[in-house]
């Protein structure tokens, strides 16, 4: 697995918005993996509880993923989205949602979502439950990402569609990664190996994400959340989010893996291989 850039630890020690985002497993004695996972989840929960408590639900039609997901949803009656917060990408009504943040779940329930408290490493569903499974910007937050991918594959039916996104290139670790609680960025070769391990067949991919490219802007956002969290949330909800939605581009899909050299975040559409292969 790719090593986490040393800048992660520097930002982690800063305690942005009270969050510890250091690689817990690397900082703890052997045998404390469960503690590392719990601490990582707690850190992310604190950040996103604060974010969603000061935010509002953005409907999935506002995102550039809607053309794809709205076409898949009618033929996927059993749908699951993991960790959507208040930015769901699947149609809310009738979709199952799992999130660690109670403020987000209450909004999803109000819109007809089947929202439950939980984490991607222990999904509260039987094997082979879903036709369509989505996890946008989730697995990079998880210390035990292999367990996360196992759970994605476990709850998906044979030939189900699994869609997820990940940030790429460990050398590009930035203030944004620390700010939102990432644990890693993926090397493309490592990512392809993980797909093979869990019998995910990559069908298409696209460049993804709304991360600002301006380093000064990222540093300013980190400073704001650390020093002026209430005002920073207002700036995000009133300015940066609407601007990001306005500027997002239509997804440019390609079969298999796109050229990822200059791609910061990757969106992947996979098919769940049959369990007879396992």
C-alpha atoms as a PDB file:
ATOM      1  CA  UNK A   1       0.000   0.000   0.000  1.00  0.00           C
ATOM      2  CA  UNK A   2       1.213   3.480  -0.773  1.00  0.00           C
ATOM      3  CA  UNK A   3       2.984   5.343   1.978  1.00  0.00           C
ATOM      4  CA  UNK A   4       1.363   8.494   3.298  1.00  0.00           C
ATOM      5  CA  UNK A   5       3.358  11.609   2.576  1.00  0.00           C
ATOM      6  CA  UNK A   6       5.175  13.104   5.542  1.00  0.00           C
ATOM      7  CA  UNK A   7       3.231  16.352   5.145  1.00  0.00           C
ATOM      8  CA  UNK A   8       0.195  14.496   6.439  1.00  0.00           C
ATOM      9  CA  UNK A   9       1.779  14.206   9.848  1.00  0.00           C
ATOM     10  CA  UNK A  10       2.668  17.897   9.875  1.00  0.00           C
ATOM     11  CA  UNK A  11      -0.896  18.950   9.174  1.00  0.00           C
ATOM     12  CA  UNK A  12      -2.200  16.312  11.579  1.00  0.00           C
ATOM     13  CA  UNK A  13      -0.214  17.753  14.466  1.00  0.00           C
ATOM     14  CA  UNK A  14      -1.675  21.177  13.740  1.00  0.00           C
ATOM     15  CA  UNK A  15      -5.060  19.843  14.852  1.00  0.00           C
ATOM     16  CA  UNK A  16      -7.083  21.622  12.179  1.00  0.00           C
ATOM     17  CA  UNK A  17     -10.613  22.148  13.543  1.00  0.00           C
ATOM     18  CA  UNK A  18      -9.727  19.864  16.426  1.00  0.00           C
ATOM     19  CA  UNK A  19      -9.160  16.897  14.092  1.00  0.00           C
ATOM     20  CA  UNK A  20      -6.281  14.477  14.393  1.00  0.00           C
ATOM     21  CA  UNK A  21      -5.596  13.158  10.915  1.00  0.00           C
ATOM     22  CA  UNK A  22      -2.220  11.555  11.472  1.00  0.00           C
ATOM     23  CA  UNK A  23      -1.877   7.955  10.324  1.00  0.00           C
ATOM     24  CA  UNK A  24      -2.904   6.419  13.642  1.00  0.00           C
ATOM     25  CA  UNK A  25      -1.786   2.917  12.764  1.00  0.00           C
ATOM     26  CA  UNK A  26       1.696   4.155  11.974  1.00  0.00           C
ATOM     27  CA  UNK A  27       1.919   6.087  15.238  1.00  0.00           C
ATOM     28  CA  UNK A  28       0.691   3.338  17.581  1.00  0.00           C
ATOM     29  CA  UNK A  29       2.269   0.117  18.841  1.00  0.00           C
ATOM     30  CA  UNK A  30       1.602  -3.097  16.970  1.00  0.00           C
ATOM     31  CA  UNK A  31      -1.715  -4.699  17.852  1.00  0.00           C
ATOM     32  CA  UNK A  32      -3.631  -1.442  18.167  1.00  0.00           C
ATOM     33  CA  UNK A  33      -5.236  -1.432  14.718  1.00  0.00           C
ATOM     34  CA  UNK A  34      -8.751  -1.388  16.193  1.00  0.00           C
ATOM     35  CA  UNK A  35      -7.888   1.662  18.278  1.00  0.00           C
ATOM     36  CA  UNK A  36      -6.472   3.326  15.164  1.00  0.00           C
ATOM     37  CA  UNK A  37      -9.663   2.674  13.240  1.00  0.00           C
ATOM     38  CA  UNK A  38     -11.825   3.978  16.088  1.00  0.00           C
ATOM     39  CA  UNK A  39      -9.762   7.155  16.421  1.00  0.00           C
ATOM     40  CA  UNK A  40      -9.873   7.787  12.677  1.00  0.00           C
ATOM     41  CA  UNK A  41     -13.654   7.358  12.619  1.00  0.00           C
ATOM     42  CA  UNK A  42     -14.062   9.610  15.666  1.00  0.00           C
ATOM     43  CA  UNK A  43     -11.907  12.295  14.036  1.00  0.00           C
ATOM     44  CA  UNK A  44     -13.916  12.201  10.842  1.00  0.00           C
ATOM     45  CA  UNK A  45     -17.204  12.190  12.753  1.00  0.00           C
ATOM     46  CA  UNK A  46     -16.242  15.336  14.673  1.00  0.00           C
ATOM     47  CA  UNK A  47     -15.341  17.157  11.482  1.00  0.00           C
ATOM     48  CA  UNK A  48     -18.420  16.140   9.512  1.00  0.00           C
ATOM     49  CA  UNK A  49     -20.870  16.583  12.388  1.00  0.00           C
ATOM     50  CA  UNK A  50     -19.675  20.182  12.573  1.00  0.00           C
ATOM     51  CA  UNK A  51     -19.816  20.601   8.799  1.00  0.00           C
ATOM     52  CA  UNK A  52     -23.271  19.091   8.277  1.00  0.00           C
ATOM     53  CA  UNK A  53     -24.762  20.821  11.324  1.00  0.00           C
ATOM     54  CA  UNK A  54     -23.974  24.141   9.649  1.00  0.00           C
ATOM     55  CA  UNK A  55     -24.891  23.067   6.127  1.00  0.00           C
ATOM     56  CA  UNK A  56     -27.859  22.088   3.966  1.00  0.00           C
ATOM     57  CA  UNK A  57     -28.831  19.220   1.694  1.00  0.00           C
ATOM     58  CA  UNK A  58     -27.693  19.557  -1.928  1.00  0.00           C
ATOM     59  CA  UNK A  59     -29.844  17.411  -4.201  1.00  0.00           C
ATOM     60  CA  UNK A  60     -28.079  14.893  -6.452  1.00  0.00           C
ATOM     61  CA  UNK A  61     -29.325  16.621  -9.612  1.00  0.00           C
ATOM     62  CA  UNK A  62     -26.809  19.414  -8.898  1.00  0.00           C
ATOM     63  CA  UNK A  63     -23.771  17.184  -9.396  1.00  0.00           C
ATOM     64  CA  UNK A  64     -22.051  16.061 -12.574  1.00  0.00           C
ATOM     65  CA  UNK A  65     -22.547  12.425 -11.518  1.00  0.00           C
ATOM     66  CA  UNK A  66     -26.315  12.744 -12.065  1.00  0.00           C
ATOM     67  CA  UNK A  67     -26.425  11.826 -15.799  1.00  0.00           C
ATOM     68  CA  UNK A  68     -24.777   8.467 -15.039  1.00  0.00           C
ATOM     69  CA  UNK A  69     -26.529   7.657 -11.764  1.00  0.00           C
ATOM     70  CA  UNK A  70     -29.980   8.731 -12.874  1.00  0.00           C
ATOM     71  CA  UNK A  71     -29.651   6.328 -15.814  1.00  0.00           C
ATOM     72  CA  UNK A  72     -28.530   3.448 -13.585  1.00  0.00           C
ATOM     73  CA  UNK A  73     -31.020   3.945 -10.745  1.00  0.00           C
ATOM     74  CA  UNK A  74     -34.217   2.741 -12.513  1.00  0.00           C
ATOM     75  CA  UNK A  75     -32.686  -0.698 -13.138  1.00  0.00           C
ATOM     76  CA  UNK A  76     -31.175  -0.848  -9.622  1.00  0.00           C
ATOM     77  CA  UNK A  77     -34.080  -0.959  -7.140  1.00  0.00           C
ATOM     78  CA  UNK A  78     -31.746  -1.945  -4.286  1.00  0.00           C
ATOM     79  CA  UNK A  79     -29.331   0.975  -3.990  1.00  0.00           C
ATOM     80  CA  UNK A  80     -26.759   1.909  -1.328  1.00  0.00           C
ATOM     81  CA  UNK A  81     -24.705   5.069  -0.911  1.00  0.00           C
ATOM     82  CA  UNK A  82     -22.079   5.163   1.822  1.00  0.00           C
ATOM     83  CA  UNK A  83     -21.031   8.351   3.570  1.00  0.00           C
ATOM     84  CA  UNK A  84     -22.966  10.880   1.478  1.00  0.00           C
ATOM     85  CA  UNK A  85     -23.298  13.470   4.208  1.00  0.00           C
ATOM     86  CA  UNK A  86     -25.538  16.178   2.790  1.00  0.00           C
ATOM     87  CA  UNK A  87     -24.188  15.663  -0.732  1.00  0.00           C
ATOM     88  CA  UNK A  88     -25.971  12.486  -1.912  1.00  0.00           C
ATOM     89  CA  UNK A  89     -25.392  11.467  -5.534  1.00  0.00           C
ATOM     90  CA  UNK A  90     -28.072   8.756  -5.828  1.00  0.00           C
ATOM     91  CA  UNK A  91     -31.808   9.590  -5.858  1.00  0.00           C
ATOM     92  CA  UNK A  92     -32.613  10.121  -2.184  1.00  0.00           C
ATOM     93  CA  UNK A  93     -36.074   8.545  -1.963  1.00  0.00           C
ATOM     94  CA  UNK A  94     -35.829   4.768  -1.725  1.00  0.00           C
ATOM     95  CA  UNK A  95     -32.038   4.636  -1.480  1.00  0.00           C
ATOM     96  CA  UNK A  96     -30.280   3.142   1.558  1.00  0.00           C
ATOM     97  CA  UNK A  97     -27.689   5.453   3.110  1.00  0.00           C
ATOM     98  CA  UNK A  98     -25.001   4.735   5.692  1.00  0.00           C
ATOM     99  CA  UNK A  99     -23.192   7.603   7.399  1.00  0.00           C
ATOM    100  CA  UNK A 100     -21.316   8.273  10.625  1.00  0.00           C
ATOM    101  CA  UNK A 101     -22.955  11.695  11.059  1.00  0.00           C
ATOM    102  CA  UNK A 102     -26.370  11.946  12.704  1.00  0.00           C
ATOM    103  CA  UNK A 103     -27.056  15.498  11.425  1.00  0.00           C
ATOM    104  CA  UNK A 104     -26.679  14.249   7.847  1.00  0.00           C
ATOM    105  CA  UNK A 105     -28.895  11.219   8.427  1.00  0.00           C
ATOM    106  CA  UNK A 106     -31.795  13.296   9.714  1.00  0.00           C
ATOM    107  CA  UNK A 107     -31.869  15.341   6.497  1.00  0.00           C
ATOM    108  CA  UNK A 108     -31.719  12.230   4.311  1.00  0.00           C
ATOM    109  CA  UNK A 109     -34.565  10.595   6.232  1.00  0.00           C
ATOM    110  CA  UNK A 110     -36.685  13.711   5.802  1.00  0.00           C
ATOM    111  CA  UNK A 111     -36.326  13.323   2.023  1.00  0.00           C
ATOM    112  CA  UNK A 112     -37.365   9.669   2.028  1.00  0.00           C
ATOM    113  CA  UNK A 113     -33.954   8.062   2.298  1.00  0.00           C
ATOM    114  CA  UNK A 114     -33.445   4.852   4.276  1.00  0.00           C
ATOM    115  CA  UNK A 115     -30.705   6.343   6.405  1.00  0.00           C
ATOM    116  CA  UNK A 116     -28.786   4.407   9.058  1.00  0.00           C
ATOM    117  CA  UNK A 117     -25.841   5.147  11.331  1.00  0.00           C
ATOM    118  CA  UNK A 118     -22.834   3.019  10.461  1.00  0.00           C
ATOM    119  CA  UNK A 119     -19.409   2.758   8.856  1.00  0.00           C
ATOM    120  CA  UNK A 120     -18.109   1.298   5.630  1.00  0.00           C
ATOM    121  CA  UNK A 121     -15.975  -1.254   7.472  1.00  0.00           C
ATOM    122  CA  UNK A 122     -19.043  -2.962   9.003  1.00  0.00           C
ATOM    123  CA  UNK A 123     -22.082  -2.460   6.783  1.00  0.00           C
ATOM    124  CA  UNK A 124     -25.323  -3.610   8.488  1.00  0.00           C
ATOM    125  CA  UNK A 125     -26.638  -5.556   5.498  1.00  0.00           C
ATOM    126  CA  UNK A 126     -26.641  -9.209   4.399  1.00  0.00           C
ATOM    127  CA  UNK A 127     -24.423 -10.469   1.607  1.00  0.00           C
ATOM    128  CA  UNK A 128     -25.551  -9.751  -1.963  1.00  0.00           C
ATOM    129  CA  UNK A 129     -28.076  -7.057  -0.972  1.00  0.00           C
ATOM    130  CA  UNK A 130     -27.618  -4.335  -3.597  1.00  0.00           C
ATOM    131  CA  UNK A 131     -27.687  -3.791  -7.347  1.00  0.00           C
ATOM    132  CA  UNK A 132     -25.829  -0.478  -7.132  1.00  0.00           C
ATOM    133  CA  UNK A 133     -23.317   0.601  -4.469  1.00  0.00           C
ATOM    134  CA  UNK A 134     -21.682   4.044  -4.317  1.00  0.00           C
ATOM    135  CA  UNK A 135     -18.965   5.458  -2.064  1.00  0.00           C
ATOM    136  CA  UNK A 136     -17.763   8.911  -3.097  1.00  0.00           C
ATOM    137  CA  UNK A 137     -14.707  10.265  -1.255  1.00  0.00           C
ATOM    138  CA  UNK A 138     -14.860   7.602   1.458  1.00  0.00           C
ATOM    139  CA  UNK A 139     -12.202   4.867   1.319  1.00  0.00           C
ATOM    140  CA  UNK A 140      -9.318   7.345   1.560  1.00  0.00           C
ATOM    141  CA  UNK A 141     -10.596   8.185   5.066  1.00  0.00           C
ATOM    142  CA  UNK A 142     -10.325   4.575   6.278  1.00  0.00           C
ATOM    143  CA  UNK A 143      -7.234   3.106   7.919  1.00  0.00           C
ATOM    144  CA  UNK A 144      -8.231  -0.464   7.052  1.00  0.00           C
ATOM    145  CA  UNK A 145      -9.202   0.196   3.462  1.00  0.00           C
ATOM    146  CA  UNK A 146      -8.988  -3.494   2.548  1.00  0.00           C
ATOM    147  CA  UNK A 147     -11.851  -4.129   4.956  1.00  0.00           C
ATOM    148  CA  UNK A 148     -13.792  -1.298   3.338  1.00  0.00           C
ATOM    149  CA  UNK A 149     -13.379  -2.857  -0.105  1.00  0.00           C
ATOM    150  CA  UNK A 150     -14.325  -6.274   1.281  1.00  0.00           C
ATOM    151  CA  UNK A 151     -17.551  -4.809   2.618  1.00  0.00           C
ATOM    152  CA  UNK A 152     -18.340  -3.069  -0.662  1.00  0.00           C
ATOM    153  CA  UNK A 153     -17.938  -6.368  -2.478  1.00  0.00           C
ATOM    154  CA  UNK A 154     -19.800  -8.367   0.156  1.00  0.00           C
ATOM    155  CA  UNK A 155     -23.043  -6.376   0.047  1.00  0.00           C
ATOM    156  CA  UNK A 156     -23.034  -6.068  -3.760  1.00  0.00           C
ATOM    157  CA  UNK A 157     -24.844  -8.670  -5.823  1.00  0.00           C
ATOM    158  CA  UNK A 158     -22.973 -10.553  -8.531  1.00  0.00           C
ATOM    159  CA  UNK A 159     -22.639  -8.227 -11.527  1.00  0.00           C
ATOM    160  CA  UNK A 160     -23.747  -5.250  -9.414  1.00  0.00           C
ATOM    161  CA  UNK A 161     -22.324  -1.836 -10.251  1.00  0.00           C
ATOM    162  CA  UNK A 162     -19.898  -0.374  -7.699  1.00  0.00           C
ATOM    163  CA  UNK A 163     -18.915   3.273  -8.101  1.00  0.00           C
ATOM    164  CA  UNK A 164     -16.360   5.019  -5.926  1.00  0.00           C
ATOM    165  CA  UNK A 165     -13.803   7.806  -6.031  1.00  0.00           C
ATOM    166  CA  UNK A 166     -10.310   8.148  -4.596  1.00  0.00           C
ATOM    167  CA  UNK A 167      -7.547  10.781  -4.580  1.00  0.00           C
ATOM    168  CA  UNK A 168      -4.383   9.770  -6.420  1.00  0.00           C
ATOM    169  CA  UNK A 169      -0.602  10.230  -6.075  1.00  0.00           C
ATOM    170  CA  UNK A 170       0.780  10.240  -2.494  1.00  0.00           C
ATOM    171  CA  UNK A 171       3.347  12.875  -3.473  1.00  0.00           C
ATOM    172  CA  UNK A 172       0.512  15.361  -3.987  1.00  0.00           C
ATOM    173  CA  UNK A 173      -0.581  15.339  -0.347  1.00  0.00           C
ATOM    174  CA  UNK A 174      -1.932  18.815   0.452  1.00  0.00           C
ATOM    175  CA  UNK A 175      -3.665  20.913   3.079  1.00  0.00           C
ATOM    176  CA  UNK A 176      -6.966  19.793   1.597  1.00  0.00           C
ATOM    177  CA  UNK A 177      -6.246  16.142   2.436  1.00  0.00           C
ATOM    178  CA  UNK A 178      -5.470  16.982   6.037  1.00  0.00           C
ATOM    179  CA  UNK A 179      -8.410  19.358   6.233  1.00  0.00           C
ATOM    180  CA  UNK A 180     -11.029  16.758   5.314  1.00  0.00           C
ATOM    181  CA  UNK A 181      -9.520  13.822   7.220  1.00  0.00           C
ATOM    182  CA  UNK A 182      -7.892  11.760   4.487  1.00  0.00           C
ATOM    183  CA  UNK A 183      -5.618   8.927   5.585  1.00  0.00           C
ATOM    184  CA  UNK A 184      -3.999   8.311   2.199  1.00  0.00           C
ATOM    185  CA  UNK A 185      -3.757   9.034  -1.473  1.00  0.00           C
ATOM    186  CA  UNK A 186      -3.531   6.041  -3.793  1.00  0.00           C
ATOM    187  CA  UNK A 187      -0.826   5.092  -6.219  1.00  0.00           C
ATOM    188  CA  UNK A 188      -2.609   3.954  -9.402  1.00  0.00           C
ATOM    189  CA  UNK A 189      -0.835   0.571  -9.430  1.00  0.00           C
ATOM    190  CA  UNK A 190      -1.857  -0.085  -5.823  1.00  0.00           C
ATOM    191  CA  UNK A 191      -5.441   0.832  -6.658  1.00  0.00           C
ATOM    192  CA  UNK A 192      -5.578  -1.606  -9.587  1.00  0.00           C
ATOM    193  CA  UNK A 193      -4.165  -4.333  -7.329  1.00  0.00           C
ATOM    194  CA  UNK A 194      -6.920  -3.715  -4.779  1.00  0.00           C
ATOM    195  CA  UNK A 195      -9.572  -4.002  -7.479  1.00  0.00           C
ATOM    196  CA  UNK A 196      -8.144  -7.354  -8.528  1.00  0.00           C
ATOM    197  CA  UNK A 197      -7.987  -8.634  -4.964  1.00  0.00           C
ATOM    198  CA  UNK A 198     -11.711  -7.992  -4.480  1.00  0.00           C
ATOM    199  CA  UNK A 199     -12.903  -9.056  -7.950  1.00  0.00           C
ATOM    200  CA  UNK A 200     -13.922  -5.574  -9.024  1.00  0.00           C
ATOM    201  CA  UNK A 201     -13.865  -5.360 -12.817  1.00  0.00           C
ATOM    202  CA  UNK A 202     -13.040  -1.802 -13.880  1.00  0.00           C
ATOM    203  CA  UNK A 203     -15.359  -0.766 -16.706  1.00  0.00           C
ATOM    204  CA  UNK A 204     -14.832   2.989 -17.006  1.00  0.00           C
ATOM    205  CA  UNK A 205     -13.279   5.928 -15.186  1.00  0.00           C
ATOM    206  CA  UNK A 206     -13.142   9.709 -15.259  1.00  0.00           C
ATOM    207  CA  UNK A 207     -11.336  12.634 -13.694  1.00  0.00           C
ATOM    208  CA  UNK A 208     -13.314  13.747 -10.638  1.00  0.00           C
ATOM    209  CA  UNK A 209     -13.443  16.132  -7.712  1.00  0.00           C
ATOM    210  CA  UNK A 210     -14.070  19.729  -6.730  1.00  0.00           C
ATOM    211  CA  UNK A 211     -10.823  20.394  -4.839  1.00  0.00           C
ATOM    212  CA  UNK A 212      -9.488  23.924  -5.427  1.00  0.00           C
ATOM    213  CA  UNK A 213      -6.202  23.932  -7.313  1.00  0.00           C
ATOM    214  CA  UNK A 214      -4.979  27.137  -5.718  1.00  0.00           C
ATOM    215  CA  UNK A 215      -2.616  26.291  -2.842  1.00  0.00           C
ATOM    216  CA  UNK A 216      -3.175  29.638  -1.168  1.00  0.00           C
ATOM    217  CA  UNK A 217      -6.924  29.045  -1.136  1.00  0.00           C
ATOM    218  CA  UNK A 218      -6.438  25.620   0.474  1.00  0.00           C
ATOM    219  CA  UNK A 219      -4.191  27.079   3.163  1.00  0.00           C
ATOM    220  CA  UNK A 220      -6.713  29.837   3.798  1.00  0.00           C
ATOM    221  CA  UNK A 221      -9.508  27.284   4.205  1.00  0.00           C
ATOM    222  CA  UNK A 222      -7.417  25.311   6.698  1.00  0.00           C
ATOM    223  CA  UNK A 223      -6.616  28.479   8.644  1.00  0.00           C
ATOM    224  CA  UNK A 224     -10.285  29.494   8.666  1.00  0.00           C
ATOM    225  CA  UNK A 225     -11.500  26.168  10.037  1.00  0.00           C
ATOM    226  CA  UNK A 226      -8.819  26.230  12.719  1.00  0.00           C
ATOM    227  CA  UNK A 227      -9.276  29.850  13.811  1.00  0.00           C
ATOM    228  CA  UNK A 228     -12.778  30.876  12.687  1.00  0.00           C
ATOM    229  CA  UNK A 229     -14.787  27.648  12.252  1.00  0.00           C
ATOM    230  CA  UNK A 230     -18.273  29.217  12.274  1.00  0.00           C
ATOM    231  CA  UNK A 231     -17.330  31.880   9.740  1.00  0.00           C
ATOM    232  CA  UNK A 232     -15.478  29.300   7.637  1.00  0.00           C
ATOM    233  CA  UNK A 233     -18.580  27.112   7.438  1.00  0.00           C
ATOM    234  CA  UNK A 234     -20.574  30.148   6.290  1.00  0.00           C
ATOM    235  CA  UNK A 235     -17.994  30.916   3.599  1.00  0.00           C
ATOM    236  CA  UNK A 236     -18.101  27.317   2.440  1.00  0.00           C
ATOM    237  CA  UNK A 237     -21.888  27.098   2.269  1.00  0.00           C
ATOM    238  CA  UNK A 238     -22.445  30.599   0.896  1.00  0.00           C
ATOM    239  CA  UNK A 239     -19.570  30.933  -1.561  1.00  0.00           C
ATOM    240  CA  UNK A 240     -17.231  28.010  -2.180  1.00  0.00           C
ATOM    241  CA  UNK A 241     -19.833  25.261  -2.568  1.00  0.00           C
ATOM    242  CA  UNK A 242     -22.090  27.181  -4.987  1.00  0.00           C
ATOM    243  CA  UNK A 243     -19.016  28.263  -6.954  1.00  0.00           C
ATOM    244  CA  UNK A 244     -17.737  24.694  -7.102  1.00  0.00           C
ATOM    245  CA  UNK A 245     -21.108  23.419  -8.320  1.00  0.00           C
ATOM    246  CA  UNK A 246     -21.222  26.119 -10.976  1.00  0.00           C
ATOM    247  CA  UNK A 247     -17.701  25.391 -12.241  1.00  0.00           C
ATOM    248  CA  UNK A 248     -17.846  21.597 -12.227  1.00  0.00           C
ATOM    249  CA  UNK A 249     -17.363  20.062 -15.648  1.00  0.00           C
ATOM    250  CA  UNK A 250     -19.239  17.275 -17.324  1.00  0.00           C
ATOM    251  CA  UNK A 251     -17.545  13.953 -16.599  1.00  0.00           C
ATOM    252  CA  UNK A 252     -15.437  12.685 -19.494  1.00  0.00           C
ATOM    253  CA  UNK A 253     -15.719   8.898 -19.320  1.00  0.00           C
ATOM    254  CA  UNK A 254     -13.243   6.466 -20.862  1.00  0.00           C
ATOM    255  CA  UNK A 255     -13.184   2.675 -20.937  1.00  0.00           C
ATOM    256  CA  UNK A 256     -10.903   1.120 -18.332  1.00  0.00           C
ATOM    257  CA  UNK A 257      -8.364   3.370 -16.630  1.00  0.00           C
ATOM    258  CA  UNK A 258      -7.808   6.854 -18.023  1.00  0.00           C
ATOM    259  CA  UNK A 259      -4.367   8.461 -18.215  1.00  0.00           C
ATOM    260  CA  UNK A 260      -3.950   9.442 -14.566  1.00  0.00           C
ATOM    261  CA  UNK A 261      -0.661  11.339 -14.688  1.00  0.00           C
ATOM    262  CA  UNK A 262      -2.317  14.720 -14.166  1.00  0.00           C
ATOM    263  CA  UNK A 263      -5.446  13.460 -12.391  1.00  0.00           C
ATOM    264  CA  UNK A 264      -5.856  14.459  -8.749  1.00  0.00           C
ATOM    265  CA  UNK A 265      -8.995  12.404  -8.049  1.00  0.00           C
ATOM    266  CA  UNK A 266     -10.390   9.434  -9.940  1.00  0.00           C
ATOM    267  CA  UNK A 267     -13.968   8.184 -10.302  1.00  0.00           C
ATOM    268  CA  UNK A 268     -14.301   4.471 -11.103  1.00  0.00           C
ATOM    269  CA  UNK A 269     -17.265   2.434 -12.309  1.00  0.00           C
ATOM    270  CA  UNK A 270     -16.760  -1.264 -11.577  1.00  0.00           C
ATOM    271  CA  UNK A 271     -18.731  -4.451 -11.930  1.00  0.00           C
ATOM    272  CA  UNK A 272     -18.785  -6.960  -9.078  1.00  0.00           C
ATOM    273  CA  UNK A 273     -17.264 -10.205 -10.337  1.00  0.00           C
ATOM    274  CA  UNK A 274     -19.185 -13.380  -9.622  1.00  0.00           C
ATOM    275  CA  UNK A 275     -18.459 -15.150  -6.342  1.00  0.00           C
ATOM    276  CA  UNK A 276     -17.786 -18.351  -8.248  1.00  0.00           C
ATOM    277  CA  UNK A 277     -14.440 -16.747  -9.098  1.00  0.00           C
ATOM    278  CA  UNK A 278     -13.464 -16.440  -5.437  1.00  0.00           C
END
